[in-house]
């Protein structure tokens, strides 16, 4: 536990880095999103496609 806290305790801006996909620059470059964002995007596309077929 002590080794995990070294960065947090001894560095001025020490904190644990985020493990979320949307916070990763490499994932953003590859256009990879978290599953929640992908699901929301697909639902929006499906709703728009359905509206175009109906109207």
N, C-alpha and C. Protein backbone atom coordinates (compact mmCIF):
# COMPACT_ATOMS: atom_id res chain seq x y z
N UNK A 1 0.83 -1.19 0.00
CA UNK A 1 0.00 0.00 0.00
C UNK A 1 0.87 1.25 0.00
N UNK A 2 1.98 1.20 0.72
CA UNK A 2 2.87 2.36 0.81
C UNK A 2 3.44 2.73 -0.54
N UNK A 3 3.79 1.74 -1.36
CA UNK A 3 4.35 2.03 -2.68
C UNK A 3 3.32 2.67 -3.60
N UNK A 4 2.08 2.32 -3.44
CA UNK A 4 1.03 2.93 -4.25
C UNK A 4 0.81 4.40 -3.90
N UNK A 5 1.07 4.76 -2.67
CA UNK A 5 0.83 6.12 -2.20
C UNK A 5 2.02 7.06 -2.36
N UNK A 6 3.17 6.55 -2.78
CA UNK A 6 4.37 7.38 -2.88
C UNK A 6 4.13 8.57 -3.81
N UNK A 7 3.56 8.35 -4.96
CA UNK A 7 3.31 9.43 -5.91
C UNK A 7 2.36 10.46 -5.31
N UNK A 8 1.34 10.02 -4.64
CA UNK A 8 0.34 10.91 -4.08
C UNK A 8 0.93 11.74 -2.94
N UNK A 9 1.75 11.13 -2.14
CA UNK A 9 2.28 11.79 -0.95
C UNK A 9 3.44 12.73 -1.27
N UNK A 10 4.38 12.31 -2.11
CA UNK A 10 5.63 13.04 -2.26
C UNK A 10 5.68 14.01 -3.44
N UNK A 11 4.78 13.93 -4.38
CA UNK A 11 4.78 14.87 -5.49
C UNK A 11 3.81 16.01 -5.22
N UNK A 12 4.17 17.19 -5.72
CA UNK A 12 3.35 18.37 -5.47
C UNK A 12 1.92 18.19 -5.99
N UNK A 13 1.80 17.76 -7.23
CA UNK A 13 0.48 17.52 -7.81
C UNK A 13 0.20 16.02 -7.88
N UNK A 14 0.68 15.29 -6.92
CA UNK A 14 0.54 13.85 -6.94
C UNK A 14 -0.90 13.41 -6.81
N UNK A 15 -1.30 12.56 -7.70
CA UNK A 15 -2.63 11.96 -7.67
C UNK A 15 -2.61 10.75 -8.58
N UNK A 16 -3.56 9.88 -8.39
CA UNK A 16 -3.65 8.70 -9.24
C UNK A 16 -4.21 9.12 -10.59
N UNK A 17 -3.66 8.57 -11.64
CA UNK A 17 -4.16 8.90 -12.97
C UNK A 17 -5.50 8.20 -13.20
N UNK A 18 -6.28 8.78 -14.07
CA UNK A 18 -7.60 8.23 -14.37
C UNK A 18 -7.46 6.94 -15.17
N UNK A 19 -8.32 5.99 -14.90
CA UNK A 19 -8.30 4.73 -15.63
C UNK A 19 -9.45 4.64 -16.62
N UNK A 20 -10.20 5.72 -16.78
CA UNK A 20 -11.33 5.73 -17.70
C UNK A 20 -10.84 5.89 -19.13
N UNK A 21 -11.50 5.22 -20.04
CA UNK A 21 -11.11 5.26 -21.44
C UNK A 21 -11.22 6.66 -22.01
N UNK A 22 -12.25 7.40 -21.65
CA UNK A 22 -12.45 8.73 -22.24
C UNK A 22 -11.40 9.74 -21.78
N UNK A 23 -10.59 9.41 -20.78
CA UNK A 23 -9.53 10.30 -20.32
C UNK A 23 -8.18 9.99 -20.96
N UNK A 24 -8.08 8.94 -21.73
CA UNK A 24 -6.82 8.51 -22.33
C UNK A 24 -6.62 9.18 -23.69
N UNK A 25 -5.50 9.87 -23.85
CA UNK A 25 -5.20 10.55 -25.12
C UNK A 25 -5.01 9.54 -26.24
N UNK A 26 -4.36 8.41 -25.96
CA UNK A 26 -4.15 7.39 -26.98
C UNK A 26 -5.47 6.82 -27.48
N UNK A 27 -6.41 6.62 -26.58
CA UNK A 27 -7.71 6.10 -26.99
C UNK A 27 -8.46 7.14 -27.82
N UNK A 28 -8.32 8.41 -27.48
CA UNK A 28 -8.97 9.47 -28.26
C UNK A 28 -8.40 9.51 -29.68
N UNK A 29 -7.08 9.35 -29.80
CA UNK A 29 -6.45 9.34 -31.12
C UNK A 29 -6.96 8.19 -31.97
N UNK A 30 -7.22 7.06 -31.35
CA UNK A 30 -7.71 5.88 -32.06
C UNK A 30 -9.24 5.88 -32.21
N UNK A 31 -9.87 6.92 -31.69
CA UNK A 31 -11.32 7.09 -31.73
C UNK A 31 -12.04 5.92 -31.06
N UNK A 32 -11.48 5.50 -29.92
CA UNK A 32 -12.09 4.45 -29.11
C UNK A 32 -12.76 5.11 -27.93
N UNK A 33 -14.04 4.82 -27.72
CA UNK A 33 -14.81 5.42 -26.66
C UNK A 33 -15.24 4.34 -25.67
N UNK A 34 -15.73 4.78 -24.55
CA UNK A 34 -16.25 3.81 -23.57
C UNK A 34 -17.56 3.23 -24.10
N UNK A 35 -17.94 2.11 -23.57
CA UNK A 35 -19.12 1.41 -24.06
C UNK A 35 -20.38 2.24 -23.87
N UNK A 36 -20.45 3.05 -22.84
CA UNK A 36 -21.62 3.89 -22.63
C UNK A 36 -21.75 4.93 -23.75
N UNK A 37 -20.64 5.54 -24.15
CA UNK A 37 -20.67 6.51 -25.24
C UNK A 37 -21.02 5.84 -26.57
N UNK A 38 -20.45 4.66 -26.80
CA UNK A 38 -20.74 3.94 -28.04
C UNK A 38 -22.21 3.55 -28.10
N UNK A 39 -22.77 3.10 -26.99
CA UNK A 39 -24.18 2.72 -26.95
C UNK A 39 -25.07 3.93 -27.22
N UNK A 40 -24.77 5.06 -26.60
CA UNK A 40 -25.54 6.28 -26.81
C UNK A 40 -25.49 6.71 -28.28
N UNK A 41 -24.31 6.62 -28.88
CA UNK A 41 -24.13 7.01 -30.27
C UNK A 41 -24.95 6.10 -31.20
N UNK A 42 -24.91 4.81 -30.96
CA UNK A 42 -25.65 3.88 -31.81
C UNK A 42 -27.16 4.06 -31.65
N UNK A 43 -27.61 4.31 -30.43
CA UNK A 43 -29.05 4.53 -30.22
C UNK A 43 -29.51 5.79 -30.95
N UNK A 44 -28.69 6.83 -30.93
CA UNK A 44 -29.02 8.07 -31.64
C UNK A 44 -29.08 7.83 -33.14
N UNK A 45 -28.13 7.08 -33.66
CA UNK A 45 -28.12 6.77 -35.09
C UNK A 45 -29.35 5.95 -35.47
N UNK A 46 -29.71 4.99 -34.63
CA UNK A 46 -30.88 4.16 -34.92
C UNK A 46 -32.17 4.97 -34.88
N UNK A 47 -32.28 5.89 -33.96
CA UNK A 47 -33.48 6.72 -33.87
C UNK A 47 -33.58 7.61 -35.11
N UNK A 48 -32.46 8.20 -35.52
CA UNK A 48 -32.47 9.06 -36.71
C UNK A 48 -32.80 8.26 -37.97
N UNK A 49 -32.25 7.06 -38.09
CA UNK A 49 -32.53 6.21 -39.25
C UNK A 49 -33.99 5.81 -39.28
N UNK A 50 -34.57 5.51 -38.14
CA UNK A 50 -35.98 5.14 -38.06
C UNK A 50 -36.86 6.32 -38.44
N UNK A 51 -36.51 7.50 -37.99
CA UNK A 51 -37.31 8.70 -38.32
C UNK A 51 -37.24 9.00 -39.81
N UNK A 52 -36.09 8.75 -40.44
CA UNK A 52 -35.96 9.00 -41.87
C UNK A 52 -36.82 8.03 -42.67
N UNK A 53 -36.92 6.78 -42.22
CA UNK A 53 -37.73 5.80 -42.92
C UNK A 53 -39.21 6.10 -42.78
N UNK A 54 -39.59 6.60 -41.61
CA UNK A 54 -41.01 6.87 -41.34
C UNK A 54 -41.45 8.16 -42.04
N UNK A 55 -40.62 9.19 -41.90
CA UNK A 55 -41.06 10.51 -42.36
C UNK A 55 -40.47 10.87 -43.63
